[in-house]
Amino acid sequence: MSYIRHKAEESLEDYLETILILSSRLSVVRSIDVATELNFSKPSVSVAVKNLKNRGYLTVSEEGFLHLTEDGGKIAESVYERHTLLTDWLVHLGVDPVIAAGDACKMEHDITSESYEAMKKCILSILGRG
C-alpha cells in the first residue's frame, strides 16, 4: 500500500513539475499540453488534474487553463530544482544527458530533504556555483 501511495505522489509531483515547465514556455497551459508533453492520454491527465485541483495545488479557469496555486507552485519548483541540479551533476560526471535526466527524475522523488540539501551544497561547489 505504501509503495502504491508513493508512486501516486511521484506522479502528482511530475504533473506539477510539467505544468511549471510548460508555463515558462507557453502563454497558457491546458490539459492537452500536459498530455502531449508527457505522452499520456487525455483521460489520464484529466484524472490527475481533478486530483491536483481537489488537493488545492491547481486551479482551472473557465477556458480550461491550468494555474498552479501557491502550494502547487512550491512543490513544482522544489521538484524542478532537484531535477535540474541532479541532471547537471550526472552530466558533469559523464552520464549521457538523456540518461541523466531519467535518473534524476527517479532520484528527485526519493531523496530526503536532509540528504538533498547536503548533496546540493556539495554539487554546487563542484559545479562552481556554490
C-alpha atoms as a PDB file:
ATOM      1  CA  MET A   1       0.000   0.000   0.000  1.00  0.00           C
ATOM      2  CA  SER A   2       2.804   2.415   0.878  1.00  0.00           C
ATOM      3  CA  TYR A   3       4.537   1.781  -2.462  1.00  0.00           C
ATOM      4  CA  ILE A   4       1.323   2.485  -4.387  1.00  0.00           C
ATOM      5  CA  ARG A   5       0.743   5.709  -2.447  1.00  0.00           C
ATOM      6  CA  HIS A   6       4.362   6.733  -3.011  1.00  0.00           C
ATOM      7  CA  LYS A   7       4.094   6.170  -6.764  1.00  0.00           C
ATOM      8  CA  ALA A   8       0.879   8.202  -6.819  1.00  0.00           C
ATOM      9  CA  GLU A   9       2.648  11.082  -5.057  1.00  0.00           C
ATOM     10  CA  GLU A  10       5.543  10.876  -7.547  1.00  0.00           C
ATOM     11  CA  SER A  11       3.080  11.081 -10.396  1.00  0.00           C
ATOM     12  CA  LEU A  12       1.387  14.167  -8.951  1.00  0.00           C
ATOM     13  CA  GLU A  13       4.784  15.819  -8.446  1.00  0.00           C
ATOM     14  CA  ASP A  14       5.638  15.051 -12.084  1.00  0.00           C
ATOM     15  CA  TYR A  15       2.405  16.677 -13.239  1.00  0.00           C
ATOM     16  CA  LEU A  16       3.086  19.795 -11.161  1.00  0.00           C
ATOM     17  CA  GLU A  17       6.651  19.994 -12.473  1.00  0.00           C
ATOM     18  CA  THR A  18       5.422  19.601 -16.056  1.00  0.00           C
ATOM     19  CA  ILE A  19       2.835  22.372 -15.626  1.00  0.00           C
ATOM     20  CA  LEU A  20       5.562  24.642 -14.227  1.00  0.00           C
ATOM     21  CA  ILE A  21       7.881  23.913 -17.164  1.00  0.00           C
ATOM     22  CA  LEU A  22       5.101  24.380 -19.712  1.00  0.00           C
ATOM     23  CA  SER A  23       4.045  27.662 -18.115  1.00  0.00           C
ATOM     24  CA  SER A  24       7.529  29.021 -18.762  1.00  0.00           C
ATOM     25  CA  ARG A  25       7.255  28.110 -22.462  1.00  0.00           C
ATOM     26  CA  LEU A  26       3.586  28.731 -23.228  1.00  0.00           C
ATOM     27  CA  SER A  27       1.337  31.718 -22.607  1.00  0.00           C
ATOM     28  CA  VAL A  28      -1.345  29.340 -21.242  1.00  0.00           C
ATOM     29  CA  VAL A  29      -1.250  25.689 -20.224  1.00  0.00           C
ATOM     30  CA  ARG A  30      -4.104  23.307 -20.951  1.00  0.00           C
ATOM     31  CA  SER A  31      -4.584  19.634 -20.113  1.00  0.00           C
ATOM     32  CA  ILE A  32      -3.867  18.701 -23.725  1.00  0.00           C
ATOM     33  CA  ASP A  33      -0.471  20.424 -23.449  1.00  0.00           C
ATOM     34  CA  VAL A  34       0.360  18.304 -20.406  1.00  0.00           C
ATOM     35  CA  ALA A  35      -0.836  15.138 -22.159  1.00  0.00           C
ATOM     36  CA  THR A  36       1.309  15.921 -25.189  1.00  0.00           C
ATOM     37  CA  GLU A  37       4.386  16.786 -23.112  1.00  0.00           C
ATOM     38  CA  LEU A  38       4.187  13.610 -21.022  1.00  0.00           C
ATOM     39  CA  ASN A  39       2.864  11.428 -23.843  1.00  0.00           C
ATOM     40  CA  PHE A  40      -0.109  10.461 -21.646  1.00  0.00           C
ATOM     41  CA  SER A  41      -3.733  10.023 -22.629  1.00  0.00           C
ATOM     42  CA  LYS A  42      -6.113  12.949 -22.186  1.00  0.00           C
ATOM     43  CA  PRO A  43      -8.317  10.934 -19.766  1.00  0.00           C
ATOM     44  CA  SER A  44      -5.270  10.151 -17.558  1.00  0.00           C
ATOM     45  CA  VAL A  45      -4.363  13.815 -17.418  1.00  0.00           C
ATOM     46  CA  SER A  46      -7.975  14.771 -16.667  1.00  0.00           C
ATOM     47  CA  VAL A  47      -7.994  12.460 -13.637  1.00  0.00           C
ATOM     48  CA  ALA A  48      -4.687  13.900 -12.419  1.00  0.00           C
ATOM     49  CA  VAL A  49      -5.849  17.492 -12.933  1.00  0.00           C
ATOM     50  CA  LYS A  50      -9.003  16.785 -10.922  1.00  0.00           C
ATOM     51  CA  ASN A  51      -6.882  15.253  -8.140  1.00  0.00           C
ATOM     52  CA  LEU A  52      -4.467  18.208  -8.124  1.00  0.00           C
ATOM     53  CA  LYS A  53      -7.385  20.641  -8.085  1.00  0.00           C
ATOM     54  CA  ASN A  54      -9.032  18.775  -5.175  1.00  0.00           C
ATOM     55  CA  ARG A  55      -5.768  18.942  -3.207  1.00  0.00           C
ATOM     56  CA  GLY A  56      -5.520  22.684  -3.753  1.00  0.00           C
ATOM     57  CA  TYR A  57      -2.420  22.543  -5.956  1.00  0.00           C
ATOM     58  CA  LEU A  58      -4.084  23.731  -9.129  1.00  0.00           C
ATOM     59  CA  THR A  59      -6.894  25.898 -10.399  1.00  0.00           C
ATOM     60  CA  VAL A  60      -8.615  25.553 -13.754  1.00  0.00           C
ATOM     61  CA  SER A  61     -10.120  28.607 -15.431  1.00  0.00           C
ATOM     62  CA  GLU A  62     -13.424  28.526 -17.305  1.00  0.00           C
ATOM     63  CA  GLU A  63     -11.384  28.357 -20.509  1.00  0.00           C
ATOM     64  CA  GLY A  64      -9.567  25.245 -19.242  1.00  0.00           C
ATOM     65  CA  PHE A  65      -6.265  26.958 -18.466  1.00  0.00           C
ATOM     66  CA  LEU A  66      -4.230  25.364 -15.674  1.00  0.00           C
ATOM     67  CA  HIS A  67      -2.662  27.554 -12.984  1.00  0.00           C
ATOM     68  CA  LEU A  68      -0.549  26.353 -10.082  1.00  0.00           C
ATOM     69  CA  THR A  69      -1.636  27.584  -6.665  1.00  0.00           C
ATOM     70  CA  GLU A  70       0.975  28.870  -4.220  1.00  0.00           C
ATOM     71  CA  ASP A  71       1.263  25.399  -2.660  1.00  0.00           C
ATOM     72  CA  GLY A  72       1.349  23.686  -6.040  1.00  0.00           C
ATOM     73  CA  GLY A  73       3.989  26.103  -7.258  1.00  0.00           C
ATOM     74  CA  LYS A  74       6.203  25.454  -4.233  1.00  0.00           C
ATOM     75  CA  ILE A  75       6.087  21.710  -4.816  1.00  0.00           C
ATOM     76  CA  ALA A  76       6.692  22.109  -8.558  1.00  0.00           C
ATOM     77  CA  GLU A  77       9.656  24.440  -8.013  1.00  0.00           C
ATOM     78  CA  SER A  78      11.191  22.108  -5.441  1.00  0.00           C
ATOM     79  CA  VAL A  79      10.888  19.077  -7.717  1.00  0.00           C
ATOM     80  CA  TYR A  80      12.181  21.046 -10.709  1.00  0.00           C
ATOM     81  CA  GLU A  81      15.179  22.341  -8.744  1.00  0.00           C
ATOM     82  CA  ARG A  82      16.057  18.817  -7.664  1.00  0.00           C
ATOM     83  CA  HIS A  83      15.638  17.541 -11.202  1.00  0.00           C
ATOM     84  CA  THR A  84      17.838  20.169 -12.830  1.00  0.00           C
ATOM     85  CA  LEU A  85      20.567  20.035 -10.186  1.00  0.00           C
ATOM     86  CA  LEU A  86      20.759  16.243 -10.205  1.00  0.00           C
ATOM     87  CA  THR A  87      20.712  16.153 -14.020  1.00  0.00           C
ATOM     88  CA  ASP A  88      23.520  18.725 -14.221  1.00  0.00           C
ATOM     89  CA  TRP A  89      25.566  16.768 -11.690  1.00  0.00           C
ATOM     90  CA  LEU A  90      25.164  13.462 -13.533  1.00  0.00           C
ATOM     91  CA  VAL A  91      26.056  15.088 -16.857  1.00  0.00           C
ATOM     92  CA  HIS A  92      29.125  16.615 -15.173  1.00  0.00           C
ATOM     93  CA  LEU A  93      30.095  13.086 -14.108  1.00  0.00           C
ATOM     94  CA  GLY A  94      29.947  11.982 -17.747  1.00  0.00           C
ATOM     95  CA  VAL A  95      26.476  10.454 -17.912  1.00  0.00           C
ATOM     96  CA  ASP A  96      24.625  10.867 -21.218  1.00  0.00           C
ATOM     97  CA  PRO A  97      22.182  13.794 -20.817  1.00  0.00           C
ATOM     98  CA  VAL A  98      19.112  11.685 -21.682  1.00  0.00           C
ATOM     99  CA  ILE A  99      20.062   9.008 -19.173  1.00  0.00           C
ATOM    100  CA  ALA A 100      20.987  11.669 -16.601  1.00  0.00           C
ATOM    101  CA  ALA A 101      17.566  13.319 -16.927  1.00  0.00           C
ATOM    102  CA  GLY A 102      15.793   9.968 -16.500  1.00  0.00           C
ATOM    103  CA  ASP A 103      17.873   9.026 -13.476  1.00  0.00           C
ATOM    104  CA  ALA A 104      17.410  12.471 -11.942  1.00  0.00           C
ATOM    105  CA  CYS A 105      13.646  12.070 -12.321  1.00  0.00           C
ATOM    106  CA  LYS A 106      13.795   8.883 -10.252  1.00  0.00           C
ATOM    107  CA  MET A 107      16.130  10.356  -7.659  1.00  0.00           C
ATOM    108  CA  GLU A 108      14.261  13.647  -7.192  1.00  0.00           C
ATOM    109  CA  HIS A 109      11.289  11.915  -5.589  1.00  0.00           C
ATOM    110  CA  ASP A 110      13.065   9.525  -3.252  1.00  0.00           C
ATOM    111  CA  ILE A 111      15.836  11.549  -1.645  1.00  0.00           C
ATOM    112  CA  THR A 112      15.133  13.102   1.747  1.00  0.00           C
ATOM    113  CA  SER A 113      15.342  16.859   2.184  1.00  0.00           C
ATOM    114  CA  GLU A 114      18.322  16.471   4.511  1.00  0.00           C
ATOM    115  CA  SER A 115      20.303  14.363   2.043  1.00  0.00           C
ATOM    116  CA  TYR A 116      19.321  16.572  -0.876  1.00  0.00           C
ATOM    117  CA  GLU A 117      20.484  19.757   0.877  1.00  0.00           C
ATOM    118  CA  ALA A 118      23.833  18.131   1.716  1.00  0.00           C
ATOM    119  CA  MET A 119      24.230  16.913  -1.861  1.00  0.00           C
ATOM    120  CA  LYS A 120      23.156  20.294  -3.216  1.00  0.00           C
ATOM    121  CA  LYS A 121      25.845  22.092  -1.236  1.00  0.00           C
ATOM    122  CA  CYS A 122      28.499  19.684  -2.481  1.00  0.00           C
ATOM    123  CA  ILE A 123      27.255  19.631  -6.100  1.00  0.00           C
ATOM    124  CA  LEU A 124      27.078  23.420  -6.313  1.00  0.00           C
ATOM    125  CA  SER A 125      30.640  23.603  -5.058  1.00  0.00           C
ATOM    126  CA  ILE A 126      31.803  21.014  -7.608  1.00  0.00           C
ATOM    127  CA  LEU A 127      29.970  22.738 -10.436  1.00  0.00           C
ATOM    128  CA  GLY A 128      31.387  26.107  -9.403  1.00  0.00           C
ATOM    129  CA  ARG A 129      28.023  27.559  -8.416  1.00  0.00           C
ATOM    130  CA  GLY A 130      28.374  27.477  -4.667  1.00  0.00           C
END
